[in-house]
Amino acid sequence: MVHDAGVDTGTVADFLERLAARTPTPAGGAVAAQCAAQAAALVAMVARYCEAPELVERAELLVARSRQLAIDDERSFGAVADAWALPRGPSYDDERTAAIGTALLAASEPQAQVVETAVEVLVLIDLLRPAARAGLRSDLVAAGEVARTGSAIARMNVESNVRALPDSEARSRLLRRMGVAKGRA
């Protein structure tokens, strides 16, 4: 598999074209991270109108983090695809299974961070709501809905990635961060 070196370049149209292609990346994880980035960008805009520079700065950091998480997700899921492409057969099965498990666990980390970032966006929305004029409240509602959507996608990705993995401290820690009970995953 050839990985896209310019994951963070191009237009929205370019991203959508890559998203629609028959390739393992980008996929839902990149969409989740982009949702968090868009939500944080809306919060930054509202914070500017509310003249809250400290919240602008926090929101801009969340935009940058989310953009990086989209890149990290594409790279880590490229590693998952590479693991699935390893040779099959009795002499390879244990190594292949271990490589897939390791890659899936690693690919869950950017998604866990998307959830955490979305929660931070929601905190900023709560801080801005009292100062926002009526016209800006709809932007905060949009930001909240997009942040929750990104979080829901990312949580589902984490649960899906680790569902078949054997219990381990790393797996359990990741699921606890997502608020997932042991019986669900």
C-alpha atoms as a PDB file:
ATOM      1  CA  MET A   1       0.000   0.000   0.000  1.00  0.00           C
ATOM      2  CA  VAL A   2       1.231   3.470  -0.866  1.00  0.00           C
ATOM      3  CA  HIS A   3       0.469   6.010   1.840  1.00  0.00           C
ATOM      4  CA  ASP A   4      -0.595   9.529   0.897  1.00  0.00           C
ATOM      5  CA  ALA A   5       2.191  11.843   1.999  1.00  0.00           C
ATOM      6  CA  GLY A   6      -0.034  14.913   1.592  1.00  0.00           C
ATOM      7  CA  VAL A   7      -2.856  13.908   3.912  1.00  0.00           C
ATOM      8  CA  ASP A   8      -3.212  17.466   5.214  1.00  0.00           C
ATOM      9  CA  THR A   9      -3.068  19.188   1.844  1.00  0.00           C
ATOM     10  CA  GLY A  10      -5.652  19.878  -0.809  1.00  0.00           C
ATOM     11  CA  THR A  11      -9.177  21.164  -0.823  1.00  0.00           C
ATOM     12  CA  VAL A  12     -12.355  19.901   0.753  1.00  0.00           C
ATOM     13  CA  ALA A  13     -13.267  18.596  -2.701  1.00  0.00           C
ATOM     14  CA  ASP A  14      -9.962  16.693  -2.828  1.00  0.00           C
ATOM     15  CA  PHE A  15     -10.688  15.151   0.576  1.00  0.00           C
ATOM     16  CA  LEU A  16     -14.189  14.140  -0.502  1.00  0.00           C
ATOM     17  CA  GLU A  17     -12.834  12.566  -3.670  1.00  0.00           C
ATOM     18  CA  ARG A  18     -10.305  10.556  -1.640  1.00  0.00           C
ATOM     19  CA  LEU A  19     -13.029   9.647   0.857  1.00  0.00           C
ATOM     20  CA  ALA A  20     -15.228   8.265  -1.923  1.00  0.00           C
ATOM     21  CA  ALA A  21     -12.421   6.174  -3.439  1.00  0.00           C
ATOM     22  CA  ARG A  22     -12.131   2.440  -2.910  1.00  0.00           C
ATOM     23  CA  THR A  23      -9.230   2.732  -0.486  1.00  0.00           C
ATOM     24  CA  PRO A  24      -8.958   2.027   3.247  1.00  0.00           C
ATOM     25  CA  THR A  25      -8.110   5.658   4.018  1.00  0.00           C
ATOM     26  CA  PRO A  26      -9.485   8.172   4.523  1.00  0.00           C
ATOM     27  CA  ALA A  27     -12.587   6.723   6.102  1.00  0.00           C
ATOM     28  CA  GLY A  28     -14.795   7.259   9.137  1.00  0.00           C
ATOM     29  CA  GLY A  29     -11.904   8.060  11.462  1.00  0.00           C
ATOM     30  CA  ALA A  30     -10.765  10.977   9.329  1.00  0.00           C
ATOM     31  CA  VAL A  31     -14.378  12.148   9.100  1.00  0.00           C
ATOM     32  CA  ALA A  32     -14.655  12.034  12.909  1.00  0.00           C
ATOM     33  CA  ALA A  33     -11.494  14.135  13.272  1.00  0.00           C
ATOM     34  CA  GLN A  34     -12.705  16.585  10.625  1.00  0.00           C
ATOM     35  CA  CYS A  35     -15.986  16.944  12.535  1.00  0.00           C
ATOM     36  CA  ALA A  36     -14.056  17.877  15.670  1.00  0.00           C
ATOM     37  CA  ALA A  37     -11.950  20.354  13.661  1.00  0.00           C
ATOM     38  CA  GLN A  38     -15.026  22.010  12.148  1.00  0.00           C
ATOM     39  CA  ALA A  39     -16.739  22.233  15.530  1.00  0.00           C
ATOM     40  CA  ALA A  40     -13.660  23.817  17.085  1.00  0.00           C
ATOM     41  CA  ALA A  41     -13.366  26.266  14.178  1.00  0.00           C
ATOM     42  CA  LEU A  42     -16.968  27.372  14.688  1.00  0.00           C
ATOM     43  CA  VAL A  43     -16.249  27.854  18.389  1.00  0.00           C
ATOM     44  CA  ALA A  44     -13.180  29.959  17.532  1.00  0.00           C
ATOM     45  CA  MET A  45     -15.325  32.161  15.291  1.00  0.00           C
ATOM     46  CA  VAL A  46     -17.965  32.659  17.989  1.00  0.00           C
ATOM     47  CA  ALA A  47     -15.249  33.356  20.574  1.00  0.00           C
ATOM     48  CA  ARG A  48     -13.865  36.082  18.319  1.00  0.00           C
ATOM     49  CA  TYR A  49     -17.281  37.732  18.105  1.00  0.00           C
ATOM     50  CA  CYS A  50     -17.643  37.427  21.874  1.00  0.00           C
ATOM     51  CA  GLU A  51     -14.201  39.021  22.300  1.00  0.00           C
ATOM     52  CA  ALA A  52     -12.928  36.060  24.316  1.00  0.00           C
ATOM     53  CA  PRO A  53      -9.294  35.743  23.173  1.00  0.00           C
ATOM     54  CA  GLU A  54      -8.435  32.983  25.645  1.00  0.00           C
ATOM     55  CA  LEU A  55     -11.261  30.859  24.239  1.00  0.00           C
ATOM     56  CA  VAL A  56     -10.184  31.673  20.674  1.00  0.00           C
ATOM     57  CA  GLU A  57      -6.730  30.358  21.512  1.00  0.00           C
ATOM     58  CA  ARG A  58      -8.098  27.185  23.118  1.00  0.00           C
ATOM     59  CA  ALA A  59     -10.419  26.566  20.166  1.00  0.00           C
ATOM     60  CA  GLU A  60      -7.620  27.088  17.649  1.00  0.00           C
ATOM     61  CA  LEU A  61      -5.490  24.543  19.505  1.00  0.00           C
ATOM     62  CA  LEU A  62      -8.382  22.083  19.201  1.00  0.00           C
ATOM     63  CA  VAL A  63      -8.635  22.776  15.459  1.00  0.00           C
ATOM     64  CA  ALA A  64      -4.918  22.054  15.057  1.00  0.00           C
ATOM     65  CA  ARG A  65      -5.138  18.929  17.214  1.00  0.00           C
ATOM     66  CA  SER A  66      -8.114  17.632  15.242  1.00  0.00           C
ATOM     67  CA  ARG A  67      -6.382  18.206  11.923  1.00  0.00           C
ATOM     68  CA  GLN A  68      -3.385  16.264  13.227  1.00  0.00           C
ATOM     69  CA  LEU A  69      -5.680  13.480  14.431  1.00  0.00           C
ATOM     70  CA  ALA A  70      -7.105  13.145  10.909  1.00  0.00           C
ATOM     71  CA  ILE A  71      -3.549  12.697   9.633  1.00  0.00           C
ATOM     72  CA  ASP A  72      -2.702  10.274  12.438  1.00  0.00           C
ATOM     73  CA  ASP A  73      -5.864   8.284  11.746  1.00  0.00           C
ATOM     74  CA  GLU A  74      -5.065   7.886   8.064  1.00  0.00           C
ATOM     75  CA  ARG A  75      -1.519   6.799   8.802  1.00  0.00           C
ATOM     76  CA  SER A  76      -2.496   4.375  11.544  1.00  0.00           C
ATOM     77  CA  PHE A  77      -5.255   2.815   9.488  1.00  0.00           C
ATOM     78  CA  GLY A  78      -2.789   2.457   6.634  1.00  0.00           C
ATOM     79  CA  ALA A  79      -0.772   0.315   9.066  1.00  0.00           C
ATOM     80  CA  VAL A  80      -3.904  -1.759   9.753  1.00  0.00           C
ATOM     81  CA  ALA A  81      -4.345  -2.344   6.024  1.00  0.00           C
ATOM     82  CA  ASP A  82      -0.676  -3.325   5.784  1.00  0.00           C
ATOM     83  CA  ALA A  83      -1.132  -5.833   8.639  1.00  0.00           C
ATOM     84  CA  TRP A  84      -4.169  -7.368   6.951  1.00  0.00           C
ATOM     85  CA  ALA A  85      -2.074  -7.732   3.784  1.00  0.00           C
ATOM     86  CA  LEU A  86       0.555  -9.887   5.529  1.00  0.00           C
ATOM     87  CA  PRO A  87       0.860 -13.456   4.208  1.00  0.00           C
ATOM     88  CA  ARG A  88      -1.619 -16.057   5.411  1.00  0.00           C
ATOM     89  CA  GLY A  89      -0.926 -19.637   6.233  1.00  0.00           C
ATOM     90  CA  PRO A  90      -0.054 -21.877   9.164  1.00  0.00           C
ATOM     91  CA  SER A  91       3.472 -20.547   9.495  1.00  0.00           C
ATOM     92  CA  TYR A  92       2.294 -16.899   9.380  1.00  0.00           C
ATOM     93  CA  ASP A  93      -1.044 -16.882  11.204  1.00  0.00           C
ATOM     94  CA  ASP A  94       0.218 -16.072  14.713  1.00  0.00           C
ATOM     95  CA  GLU A  95       2.487 -13.289  13.479  1.00  0.00           C
ATOM     96  CA  ARG A  96      -0.267 -11.877  11.227  1.00  0.00           C
ATOM     97  CA  THR A  97      -2.890 -11.983  13.987  1.00  0.00           C
ATOM     98  CA  ALA A  98      -0.535 -10.233  16.412  1.00  0.00           C
ATOM     99  CA  ALA A  99       0.332  -7.568  13.817  1.00  0.00           C
ATOM    100  CA  ILE A 100      -3.346  -6.908  13.091  1.00  0.00           C
ATOM    101  CA  GLY A 101      -4.150  -6.641  16.810  1.00  0.00           C
ATOM    102  CA  THR A 102      -1.268  -4.279  17.460  1.00  0.00           C
ATOM    103  CA  ALA A 103      -2.232  -2.127  14.485  1.00  0.00           C
ATOM    104  CA  LEU A 104      -5.918  -2.005  15.480  1.00  0.00           C
ATOM    105  CA  LEU A 105      -5.045  -0.990  19.022  1.00  0.00           C
ATOM    106  CA  ALA A 106      -2.704   1.720  17.727  1.00  0.00           C
ATOM    107  CA  ALA A 107      -5.348   2.914  15.234  1.00  0.00           C
ATOM    108  CA  SER A 108      -7.767   3.370  18.127  1.00  0.00           C
ATOM    109  CA  GLU A 109      -5.604   5.990  19.827  1.00  0.00           C
ATOM    110  CA  PRO A 110      -6.286   8.862  17.397  1.00  0.00           C
ATOM    111  CA  GLN A 111      -9.987   8.053  17.646  1.00  0.00           C
ATOM    112  CA  ALA A 112      -9.880   8.101  21.448  1.00  0.00           C
ATOM    113  CA  GLN A 113      -8.244  11.514  21.203  1.00  0.00           C
ATOM    114  CA  VAL A 114     -11.008  12.689  18.844  1.00  0.00           C
ATOM    115  CA  VAL A 115     -13.546  11.844  21.556  1.00  0.00           C
ATOM    116  CA  GLU A 116     -11.521  13.728  24.150  1.00  0.00           C
ATOM    117  CA  THR A 117     -11.131  16.702  21.808  1.00  0.00           C
ATOM    118  CA  ALA A 118     -14.862  16.782  21.086  1.00  0.00           C
ATOM    119  CA  VAL A 119     -15.543  16.907  24.831  1.00  0.00           C
ATOM    120  CA  GLU A 120     -13.186  19.883  25.118  1.00  0.00           C
ATOM    121  CA  VAL A 121     -15.077  21.611  22.287  1.00  0.00           C
ATOM    122  CA  LEU A 122     -18.337  21.060  24.189  1.00  0.00           C
ATOM    123  CA  VAL A 123     -16.789  22.623  27.310  1.00  0.00           C
ATOM    124  CA  LEU A 124     -15.847  25.717  25.291  1.00  0.00           C
ATOM    125  CA  ILE A 125     -19.387  25.919  23.920  1.00  0.00           C
ATOM    126  CA  ASP A 126     -20.745  25.945  27.463  1.00  0.00           C
ATOM    127  CA  LEU A 127     -18.334  28.724  28.393  1.00  0.00           C
ATOM    128  CA  LEU A 128     -19.364  30.819  25.373  1.00  0.00           C
ATOM    129  CA  ARG A 129     -23.113  30.295  25.488  1.00  0.00           C
ATOM    130  CA  PRO A 130     -23.874  33.065  28.039  1.00  0.00           C
ATOM    131  CA  ALA A 131     -21.934  35.688  26.048  1.00  0.00           C
ATOM    132  CA  ALA A 132     -23.170  34.708  22.581  1.00  0.00           C
ATOM    133  CA  ARG A 133     -25.768  36.855  20.861  1.00  0.00           C
ATOM    134  CA  ALA A 134     -28.814  35.107  19.459  1.00  0.00           C
ATOM    135  CA  GLY A 135     -27.334  34.941  15.949  1.00  0.00           C
ATOM    136  CA  LEU A 136     -24.221  33.228  17.260  1.00  0.00           C
ATOM    137  CA  ARG A 137     -26.077  30.666  19.347  1.00  0.00           C
ATOM    138  CA  SER A 138     -27.061  28.782  16.219  1.00  0.00           C
ATOM    139  CA  ASP A 139     -23.352  28.479  15.388  1.00  0.00           C
ATOM    140  CA  LEU A 140     -22.732  27.086  18.865  1.00  0.00           C
ATOM    141  CA  VAL A 141     -25.573  24.593  18.374  1.00  0.00           C
ATOM    142  CA  ALA A 142     -24.042  23.560  15.030  1.00  0.00           C
ATOM    143  CA  ALA A 143     -20.627  23.204  16.668  1.00  0.00           C
ATOM    144  CA  GLY A 144     -22.096  21.077  19.429  1.00  0.00           C
ATOM    145  CA  GLU A 145     -23.938  18.789  17.037  1.00  0.00           C
ATOM    146  CA  VAL A 146     -20.884  18.344  14.822  1.00  0.00           C
ATOM    147  CA  ALA A 147     -18.650  17.687  17.852  1.00  0.00           C
ATOM    148  CA  ARG A 148     -21.093  15.067  19.164  1.00  0.00           C
ATOM    149  CA  THR A 149     -21.253  13.454  15.717  1.00  0.00           C
ATOM    150  CA  GLY A 150     -17.471  13.233  15.506  1.00  0.00           C
ATOM    151  CA  SER A 151     -17.339  11.796  19.002  1.00  0.00           C
ATOM    152  CA  ALA A 152     -19.991   9.168  18.217  1.00  0.00           C
ATOM    153  CA  ILE A 153     -18.148   8.090  15.058  1.00  0.00           C
ATOM    154  CA  ALA A 154     -14.828   7.910  16.903  1.00  0.00           C
ATOM    155  CA  ARG A 155     -16.279   5.902  19.799  1.00  0.00           C
ATOM    156  CA  MET A 156     -17.820   3.437  17.374  1.00  0.00           C
ATOM    157  CA  ASN A 157     -14.461   3.132  15.608  1.00  0.00           C
ATOM    158  CA  VAL A 158     -12.672   2.375  18.876  1.00  0.00           C
ATOM    159  CA  GLU A 159     -15.271  -0.212  19.897  1.00  0.00           C
ATOM    160  CA  SER A 160     -15.124  -1.820  16.456  1.00  0.00           C
ATOM    161  CA  ASN A 161     -11.313  -1.875  16.387  1.00  0.00           C
ATOM    162  CA  VAL A 162     -10.881  -3.550  19.772  1.00  0.00           C
ATOM    163  CA  ARG A 163     -13.976  -5.757  19.884  1.00  0.00           C
ATOM    164  CA  ALA A 164     -12.166  -8.945  18.806  1.00  0.00           C
ATOM    165  CA  LEU A 165      -8.862  -8.208  20.543  1.00  0.00           C
ATOM    166  CA  PRO A 166      -7.924 -10.220  23.624  1.00  0.00           C
ATOM    167  CA  ASP A 167      -8.162  -8.504  26.989  1.00  0.00           C
ATOM    168  CA  SER A 168      -5.101  -6.476  27.830  1.00  0.00           C
ATOM    169  CA  GLU A 169      -4.351  -3.510  30.038  1.00  0.00           C
ATOM    170  CA  ALA A 170      -3.952  -1.270  26.962  1.00  0.00           C
ATOM    171  CA  ARG A 171      -7.325  -2.372  25.558  1.00  0.00           C
ATOM    172  CA  SER A 172      -9.060  -1.918  28.916  1.00  0.00           C
ATOM    173  CA  ARG A 173      -7.504   1.506  29.464  1.00  0.00           C
ATOM    174  CA  LEU A 174      -8.643   2.621  26.008  1.00  0.00           C
ATOM    175  CA  LEU A 175     -12.196   1.417  26.586  1.00  0.00           C
ATOM    176  CA  ARG A 176     -12.347   3.113  29.992  1.00  0.00           C
ATOM    177  CA  ARG A 177     -11.368   6.387  28.309  1.00  0.00           C
ATOM    178  CA  MET A 178     -14.325   5.910  25.970  1.00  0.00           C
ATOM    179  CA  GLY A 179     -16.670   5.119  28.862  1.00  0.00           C
ATOM    180  CA  VAL A 180     -17.335   1.650  27.469  1.00  0.00           C
ATOM    181  CA  ALA A 181     -18.295  -1.067  29.902  1.00  0.00           C
ATOM    182  CA  LYS A 182     -16.397  -4.345  29.579  1.00  0.00           C
ATOM    183  CA  GLY A 183     -19.513  -6.257  28.513  1.00  0.00           C
ATOM    184  CA  ARG A 184     -20.187  -3.968  25.529  1.00  0.00           C
ATOM    185  CA  ALA A 185     -16.876  -4.378  23.742  1.00  0.00           C
END
